[in-house]
Amino acid sequence: MKHTTLSIAALALGLSLAGCGGIPSNRSMYSVHEPVVERTNYTLDLNTGNGGMSYPEQQRLAGWFEALKLRYGDRVSVEDPMQDPSTRASVDAIAAHYGLEVSEGIPTSAGFVQAGTTRVVVTRSKAVVNGCPDWKAHSDANPANGLSPNYGCAVNTNLAAMVANPEHLLKGDDTIGDTTIMSSNKAITNYRTKQPTGAGELKVVDSKGE
């Protein structure tokens, strides 16, 4: 009988400890599941010379961009040991068909680029929220007044899925903000300074048409 009593007590203690593992302990207002931005680099080596990129190589590059389904949010970089402006201009012209332009800076890639070869790198970012949904809290007890482990999963997962450029989750967008502000301010200024249509004298209208 004594042995049975000890076993039941040990079982109860084990269940209580297991329950503590599912009790919410996050007392902040931040979710433990935040969007994570993952980057993948795709590379293509093209043959180039002093005259820049030949037409067949330009076609190769255009086909590669099409196969990748180049889109907004992708970053196009050029690594050219000869630093030929015409080569960069060719890549820039093809990327412009997708609304992109060649970015400054070159991401790290495997191997060494020889002279006479130009490497085009497309960096594609993806935002994901790992561990969602999170239903590991198996107890209604909440002595620490903490948030549910699933708190923020819906909002952050939808945000990661909808953001057009995942890089904006890291540093925001600083490319067209000034232009947008200038355009909006111009419209507001025109609206405020334009004279009302009824500010002038009323026209005399002859109902008889004379």
C-alpha atoms as a PDB file:
ATOM      1  CA  MET A   1       0.000   0.000   0.000  1.00  0.00           C
ATOM      2  CA  LYS A   2       2.829   2.344   0.829  1.00  0.00           C
ATOM      3  CA  HIS A   3       4.474   1.605  -2.504  1.00  0.00           C
ATOM      4  CA  THR A   4       1.215   2.432  -4.334  1.00  0.00           C
ATOM      5  CA  THR A   5       0.866   5.745  -2.517  1.00  0.00           C
ATOM      6  CA  LEU A   6       4.379   6.817  -3.511  1.00  0.00           C
ATOM      7  CA  SER A   7       3.706   5.929  -7.145  1.00  0.00           C
ATOM      8  CA  ILE A   8       0.543   8.045  -7.241  1.00  0.00           C
ATOM      9  CA  ALA A   9       2.369  10.970  -5.637  1.00  0.00           C
ATOM     10  CA  ALA A  10       5.182  10.699  -8.162  1.00  0.00           C
ATOM     11  CA  LEU A  11       2.668  10.582 -11.011  1.00  0.00           C
ATOM     12  CA  ALA A  12       0.872  13.667  -9.722  1.00  0.00           C
ATOM     13  CA  LEU A  13       4.168  15.539  -9.398  1.00  0.00           C
ATOM     14  CA  GLY A  14       5.092  14.574 -12.961  1.00  0.00           C
ATOM     15  CA  LEU A  15       1.782  15.808 -14.330  1.00  0.00           C
ATOM     16  CA  SER A  16       2.100  19.090 -12.480  1.00  0.00           C
ATOM     17  CA  LEU A  17       5.573  19.666 -13.882  1.00  0.00           C
ATOM     18  CA  ALA A  18       4.378  18.804 -17.381  1.00  0.00           C
ATOM     19  CA  GLY A  19       1.558  21.283 -17.001  1.00  0.00           C
ATOM     20  CA  CYS A  20       4.016  24.001 -15.994  1.00  0.00           C
ATOM     21  CA  GLY A  21       5.782  23.550 -19.311  1.00  0.00           C
ATOM     22  CA  GLY A  22       2.605  24.601 -21.131  1.00  0.00           C
ATOM     23  CA  ILE A  23       1.827  27.608 -18.939  1.00  0.00           C
ATOM     24  CA  PRO A  24       2.352  30.941 -20.786  1.00  0.00           C
ATOM     25  CA  SER A  25       5.439  32.747 -19.511  1.00  0.00           C
ATOM     26  CA  ASN A  26       5.878  35.585 -22.033  1.00  0.00           C
ATOM     27  CA  ARG A  27       4.878  38.676 -20.054  1.00  0.00           C
ATOM     28  CA  SER A  28       5.880  41.199 -22.733  1.00  0.00           C
ATOM     29  CA  MET A  29       3.609  42.513 -25.507  1.00  0.00           C
ATOM     30  CA  TYR A  30       5.809  41.015 -28.222  1.00  0.00           C
ATOM     31  CA  SER A  31       5.182  37.756 -30.019  1.00  0.00           C
ATOM     32  CA  VAL A  32       7.845  35.078 -29.739  1.00  0.00           C
ATOM     33  CA  HIS A  33       7.180  34.254 -33.410  1.00  0.00           C
ATOM     34  CA  GLU A  34       8.541  37.051 -35.581  1.00  0.00           C
ATOM     35  CA  PRO A  35       9.004  37.043 -39.383  1.00  0.00           C
ATOM     36  CA  VAL A  36      12.424  35.796 -40.456  1.00  0.00           C
ATOM     37  CA  VAL A  37      13.868  36.947 -43.791  1.00  0.00           C
ATOM     38  CA  GLU A  38      15.768  34.291 -45.729  1.00  0.00           C
ATOM     39  CA  ARG A  39      17.935  35.144 -48.752  1.00  0.00           C
ATOM     40  CA  THR A  40      18.859  32.910 -51.679  1.00  0.00           C
ATOM     41  CA  ASN A  41      21.459  33.860 -54.300  1.00  0.00           C
ATOM     42  CA  TYR A  42      21.173  32.646 -57.901  1.00  0.00           C
ATOM     43  CA  THR A  43      24.223  33.134 -60.137  1.00  0.00           C
ATOM     44  CA  LEU A  44      24.874  33.033 -63.879  1.00  0.00           C
ATOM     45  CA  ASP A  45      28.309  33.425 -65.478  1.00  0.00           C
ATOM     46  CA  LEU A  46      28.362  35.092 -68.896  1.00  0.00           C
ATOM     47  CA  ASN A  47      31.158  35.497 -71.436  1.00  0.00           C
ATOM     48  CA  THR A  48      32.086  39.138 -71.951  1.00  0.00           C
ATOM     49  CA  GLY A  49      34.934  41.069 -73.520  1.00  0.00           C
ATOM     50  CA  ASN A  50      36.127  44.597 -74.098  1.00  0.00           C
ATOM     51  CA  GLY A  51      33.050  45.263 -76.197  1.00  0.00           C
ATOM     52  CA  GLY A  52      30.713  44.264 -73.440  1.00  0.00           C
ATOM     53  CA  MET A  53      28.174  41.460 -73.672  1.00  0.00           C
ATOM     54  CA  SER A  54      27.432  39.854 -77.038  1.00  0.00           C
ATOM     55  CA  TYR A  55      23.868  39.533 -78.305  1.00  0.00           C
ATOM     56  CA  PRO A  56      23.694  35.732 -77.752  1.00  0.00           C
ATOM     57  CA  GLU A  57      24.836  36.229 -74.147  1.00  0.00           C
ATOM     58  CA  GLN A  58      22.223  38.917 -73.684  1.00  0.00           C
ATOM     59  CA  GLN A  59      19.630  36.421 -74.894  1.00  0.00           C
ATOM     60  CA  ARG A  60      20.973  33.900 -72.372  1.00  0.00           C
ATOM     61  CA  LEU A  61      20.586  36.425 -69.606  1.00  0.00           C
ATOM     62  CA  ALA A  62      17.059  37.359 -70.703  1.00  0.00           C
ATOM     63  CA  GLY A  63      16.062  33.682 -70.770  1.00  0.00           C
ATOM     64  CA  TRP A  64      17.543  33.164 -67.319  1.00  0.00           C
ATOM     65  CA  PHE A  65      15.616  36.101 -65.920  1.00  0.00           C
ATOM     66  CA  GLU A  66      12.450  34.699 -67.469  1.00  0.00           C
ATOM     67  CA  ALA A  67      13.091  31.233 -66.018  1.00  0.00           C
ATOM     68  CA  LEU A  68      13.600  32.774 -62.565  1.00  0.00           C
ATOM     69  CA  LYS A  69      10.414  34.818 -63.025  1.00  0.00           C
ATOM     70  CA  LEU A  70      12.273  37.922 -61.952  1.00  0.00           C
ATOM     71  CA  ARG A  71       9.984  40.137 -59.898  1.00  0.00           C
ATOM     72  CA  TYR A  72       9.750  43.103 -57.621  1.00  0.00           C
ATOM     73  CA  GLY A  73      11.807  42.541 -54.503  1.00  0.00           C
ATOM     74  CA  ASP A  74      14.613  40.693 -56.301  1.00  0.00           C
ATOM     75  CA  ARG A  75      18.062  42.302 -56.219  1.00  0.00           C
ATOM     76  CA  VAL A  76      20.245  42.142 -59.343  1.00  0.00           C
ATOM     77  CA  SER A  77      24.023  42.556 -58.961  1.00  0.00           C
ATOM     78  CA  VAL A  78      26.891  42.396 -61.437  1.00  0.00           C
ATOM     79  CA  GLU A  79      30.427  41.182 -60.724  1.00  0.00           C
ATOM     80  CA  ASP A  80      32.688  42.126 -63.616  1.00  0.00           C
ATOM     81  CA  PRO A  81      36.472  42.021 -63.059  1.00  0.00           C
ATOM     82  CA  MET A  82      36.965  44.301 -66.085  1.00  0.00           C
ATOM     83  CA  GLN A  83      34.349  46.768 -64.820  1.00  0.00           C
ATOM     84  CA  ASP A  84      33.135  47.476 -68.344  1.00  0.00           C
ATOM     85  CA  PRO A  85      30.318  50.082 -68.264  1.00  0.00           C
ATOM     86  CA  SER A  86      28.748  48.611 -71.410  1.00  0.00           C
ATOM     87  CA  THR A  87      28.366  45.210 -69.707  1.00  0.00           C
ATOM     88  CA  ARG A  88      26.608  46.753 -66.757  1.00  0.00           C
ATOM     89  CA  ALA A  89      24.429  48.792 -69.118  1.00  0.00           C
ATOM     90  CA  SER A  90      23.364  45.622 -70.950  1.00  0.00           C
ATOM     91  CA  VAL A  91      22.341  43.903 -67.713  1.00  0.00           C
ATOM     92  CA  ASP A  92      20.589  47.057 -66.556  1.00  0.00           C
ATOM     93  CA  ALA A  93      18.603  47.277 -69.806  1.00  0.00           C
ATOM     94  CA  ILE A  94      17.404  43.671 -69.574  1.00  0.00           C
ATOM     95  CA  ALA A  95      16.517  44.020 -65.863  1.00  0.00           C
ATOM     96  CA  ALA A  96      14.567  47.180 -66.691  1.00  0.00           C
ATOM     97  CA  HIS A  97      12.000  45.027 -68.534  1.00  0.00           C
ATOM     98  CA  TYR A  98      11.054  43.695 -65.090  1.00  0.00           C
ATOM     99  CA  GLY A  99      11.036  47.112 -63.434  1.00  0.00           C
ATOM    100  CA  LEU A 100      14.411  46.529 -61.744  1.00  0.00           C
ATOM    101  CA  GLU A 101      17.837  48.091 -61.956  1.00  0.00           C
ATOM    102  CA  VAL A 102      21.300  46.826 -61.119  1.00  0.00           C
ATOM    103  CA  SER A 103      22.107  47.339 -57.441  1.00  0.00           C
ATOM    104  CA  GLU A 104      25.348  48.571 -55.989  1.00  0.00           C
ATOM    105  CA  GLY A 105      27.439  46.050 -54.102  1.00  0.00           C
ATOM    106  CA  ILE A 106      27.967  42.362 -54.781  1.00  0.00           C
ATOM    107  CA  PRO A 107      26.838  39.539 -52.482  1.00  0.00           C
ATOM    108  CA  THR A 108      29.340  36.826 -51.617  1.00  0.00           C
ATOM    109  CA  SER A 109      29.252  33.902 -54.056  1.00  0.00           C
ATOM    110  CA  ALA A 110      31.258  30.714 -54.470  1.00  0.00           C
ATOM    111  CA  GLY A 111      34.235  30.590 -56.799  1.00  0.00           C
ATOM    112  CA  PHE A 112      36.396  33.226 -58.479  1.00  0.00           C
ATOM    113  CA  VAL A 113      35.264  35.252 -61.486  1.00  0.00           C
ATOM    114  CA  GLN A 114      37.936  35.277 -64.184  1.00  0.00           C
ATOM    115  CA  ALA A 115      38.579  38.200 -66.520  1.00  0.00           C
ATOM    116  CA  GLY A 116      36.382  37.854 -69.581  1.00  0.00           C
ATOM    117  CA  THR A 117      33.540  36.502 -67.480  1.00  0.00           C
ATOM    118  CA  THR A 118      30.776  38.470 -65.820  1.00  0.00           C
ATOM    119  CA  ARG A 119      28.709  37.022 -63.005  1.00  0.00           C
ATOM    120  CA  VAL A 120      25.126  38.162 -62.584  1.00  0.00           C
ATOM    121  CA  VAL A 121      23.652  37.494 -59.136  1.00  0.00           C
ATOM    122  CA  VAL A 122      19.948  37.576 -58.339  1.00  0.00           C
ATOM    123  CA  THR A 123      19.220  37.758 -54.610  1.00  0.00           C
ATOM    124  CA  ARG A 124      15.710  36.682 -53.691  1.00  0.00           C
ATOM    125  CA  SER A 125      14.329  37.138 -50.199  1.00  0.00           C
ATOM    126  CA  LYS A 126      11.517  35.256 -48.509  1.00  0.00           C
ATOM    127  CA  ALA A 127       9.786  36.030 -45.231  1.00  0.00           C
ATOM    128  CA  VAL A 128       8.624  33.136 -43.069  1.00  0.00           C
ATOM    129  CA  VAL A 129       7.350  32.736 -39.509  1.00  0.00           C
ATOM    130  CA  ASN A 130       8.637  29.519 -38.011  1.00  0.00           C
ATOM    131  CA  GLY A 131       6.737  27.527 -35.396  1.00  0.00           C
ATOM    132  CA  CYS A 132       3.253  28.789 -36.239  1.00  0.00           C
ATOM    133  CA  PRO A 133       0.609  27.893 -35.279  1.00  0.00           C
ATOM    134  CA  ASP A 134       1.837  27.226 -31.752  1.00  0.00           C
ATOM    135  CA  TRP A 135      -0.602  25.336 -29.515  1.00  0.00           C
ATOM    136  CA  LYS A 136       1.862  23.914 -27.017  1.00  0.00           C
ATOM    137  CA  ALA A 137       0.113  25.599 -24.072  1.00  0.00           C
ATOM    138  CA  HIS A 138      -2.041  22.749 -22.748  1.00  0.00           C
ATOM    139  CA  SER A 139      -3.148  24.434 -19.552  1.00  0.00           C
ATOM    140  CA  ASP A 140      -5.629  27.208 -18.806  1.00  0.00           C
ATOM    141  CA  ALA A 141      -3.580  28.168 -15.756  1.00  0.00           C
ATOM    142  CA  ASN A 142      -1.801  31.492 -16.247  1.00  0.00           C
ATOM    143  CA  PRO A 143      -0.257  32.579 -12.925  1.00  0.00           C
ATOM    144  CA  ALA A 144       2.399  34.700 -14.683  1.00  0.00           C
ATOM    145  CA  ASN A 145      -0.238  36.580 -16.710  1.00  0.00           C
ATOM    146  CA  GLY A 146       1.665  35.718 -19.878  1.00  0.00           C
ATOM    147  CA  LEU A 147       0.671  35.720 -23.524  1.00  0.00           C
ATOM    148  CA  SER A 148      -0.398  32.602 -25.351  1.00  0.00           C
ATOM    149  CA  PRO A 149       2.482  31.011 -27.325  1.00  0.00           C
ATOM    150  CA  ASN A 150       0.277  31.408 -30.410  1.00  0.00           C
ATOM    151  CA  TYR A 151      -0.022  35.165 -29.850  1.00  0.00           C
ATOM    152  CA  GLY A 152       0.982  37.079 -33.009  1.00  0.00           C
ATOM    153  CA  CYS A 153       1.083  34.034 -35.276  1.00  0.00           C
ATOM    154  CA  ALA A 154      -1.874  35.100 -37.428  1.00  0.00           C
ATOM    155  CA  VAL A 155      -0.778  38.717 -37.861  1.00  0.00           C
ATOM    156  CA  ASN A 156       2.906  38.006 -38.466  1.00  0.00           C
ATOM    157  CA  THR A 157       2.255  35.085 -40.811  1.00  0.00           C
ATOM    158  CA  ASN A 158      -0.102  37.184 -42.924  1.00  0.00           C
ATOM    159  CA  LEU A 159       2.348  40.089 -42.905  1.00  0.00           C
ATOM    160  CA  ALA A 160       5.147  37.814 -44.114  1.00  0.00           C
ATOM    161  CA  ALA A 161       2.912  36.429 -46.852  1.00  0.00           C
ATOM    162  CA  MET A 162       1.634  39.793 -48.106  1.00  0.00           C
ATOM    163  CA  VAL A 163       4.719  42.027 -48.002  1.00  0.00           C
ATOM    164  CA  ALA A 164       5.841  42.644 -51.600  1.00  0.00           C
ATOM    165  CA  ASN A 165       9.510  43.020 -50.722  1.00  0.00           C
ATOM    166  CA  PRO A 166      10.561  41.012 -47.643  1.00  0.00           C
ATOM    167  CA  GLU A 167      13.646  43.230 -47.259  1.00  0.00           C
ATOM    168  CA  HIS A 168      11.332  46.026 -46.133  1.00  0.00           C
ATOM    169  CA  LEU A 169      10.704  44.059 -42.938  1.00  0.00           C
ATOM    170  CA  LEU A 170      14.376  44.620 -42.085  1.00  0.00           C
ATOM    171  CA  LYS A 171      15.108  48.177 -43.140  1.00  0.00           C
ATOM    172  CA  GLY A 172      11.998  49.663 -44.723  1.00  0.00           C
ATOM    173  CA  ASP A 173      11.819  51.260 -48.162  1.00  0.00           C
ATOM    174  CA  ASP A 174      14.039  54.274 -48.805  1.00  0.00           C
ATOM    175  CA  THR A 175      14.063  54.261 -52.616  1.00  0.00           C
ATOM    176  CA  ILE A 176      10.904  56.125 -53.657  1.00  0.00           C
ATOM    177  CA  GLY A 177       9.780  57.759 -50.438  1.00  0.00           C
ATOM    178  CA  ASP A 178      11.081  61.228 -51.357  1.00  0.00           C
ATOM    179  CA  THR A 179       9.439  61.094 -54.788  1.00  0.00           C
ATOM    180  CA  THR A 180       6.138  59.989 -53.293  1.00  0.00           C
ATOM    181  CA  ILE A 181       6.217  62.771 -50.712  1.00  0.00           C
ATOM    182  CA  MET A 182       7.050  65.379 -53.361  1.00  0.00           C
ATOM    183  CA  SER A 183       4.198  64.183 -55.585  1.00  0.00           C
ATOM    184  CA  SER A 184       1.654  64.187 -52.782  1.00  0.00           C
ATOM    185  CA  ASN A 185       2.782  67.609 -51.549  1.00  0.00           C
ATOM    186  CA  LYS A 186       2.452  69.019 -55.063  1.00  0.00           C
ATOM    187  CA  ALA A 187      -1.138  67.805 -55.331  1.00  0.00           C
ATOM    188  CA  ILE A 188      -1.989  69.223 -51.893  1.00  0.00           C
ATOM    189  CA  THR A 189      -0.385  72.581 -52.762  1.00  0.00           C
ATOM    190  CA  ASN A 190      -2.324  72.831 -56.025  1.00  0.00           C
ATOM    191  CA  TYR A 191      -5.559  72.038 -54.207  1.00  0.00           C
ATOM    192  CA  ARG A 192      -4.943  74.722 -51.586  1.00  0.00           C
ATOM    193  CA  THR A 193      -3.778  77.488 -53.938  1.00  0.00           C
ATOM    194  CA  LYS A 194      -6.309  76.963 -56.743  1.00  0.00           C
ATOM    195  CA  GLN A 195      -8.954  79.653 -56.878  1.00  0.00           C
ATOM    196  CA  PRO A 196     -12.516  78.445 -56.340  1.00  0.00           C
ATOM    197  CA  THR A 197     -14.569  78.257 -59.505  1.00  0.00           C
ATOM    198  CA  GLY A 198     -17.083  80.753 -58.126  1.00  0.00           C
ATOM    199  CA  ALA A 199     -14.496  83.350 -57.120  1.00  0.00           C
ATOM    200  CA  GLY A 200     -14.943  85.479 -60.263  1.00  0.00           C
ATOM    201  CA  GLU A 201     -17.930  87.446 -61.461  1.00  0.00           C
ATOM    202  CA  LEU A 202     -20.979  85.518 -62.551  1.00  0.00           C
ATOM    203  CA  LYS A 203     -21.538  85.340 -66.272  1.00  0.00           C
ATOM    204  CA  VAL A 204     -24.618  86.936 -67.708  1.00  0.00           C
ATOM    205  CA  VAL A 205     -26.657  84.331 -69.525  1.00  0.00           C
ATOM    206  CA  ASP A 206     -29.400  85.322 -71.889  1.00  0.00           C
ATOM    207  CA  SER A 207     -32.189  82.786 -71.684  1.00  0.00           C
ATOM    208  CA  LYS A 208     -33.466  83.883 -75.111  1.00  0.00           C
ATOM    209  CA  GLY A 209     -30.161  83.026 -76.724  1.00  0.00           C
ATOM    210  CA  GLU A 210     -29.607  86.587 -77.991  1.00  0.00           C
END
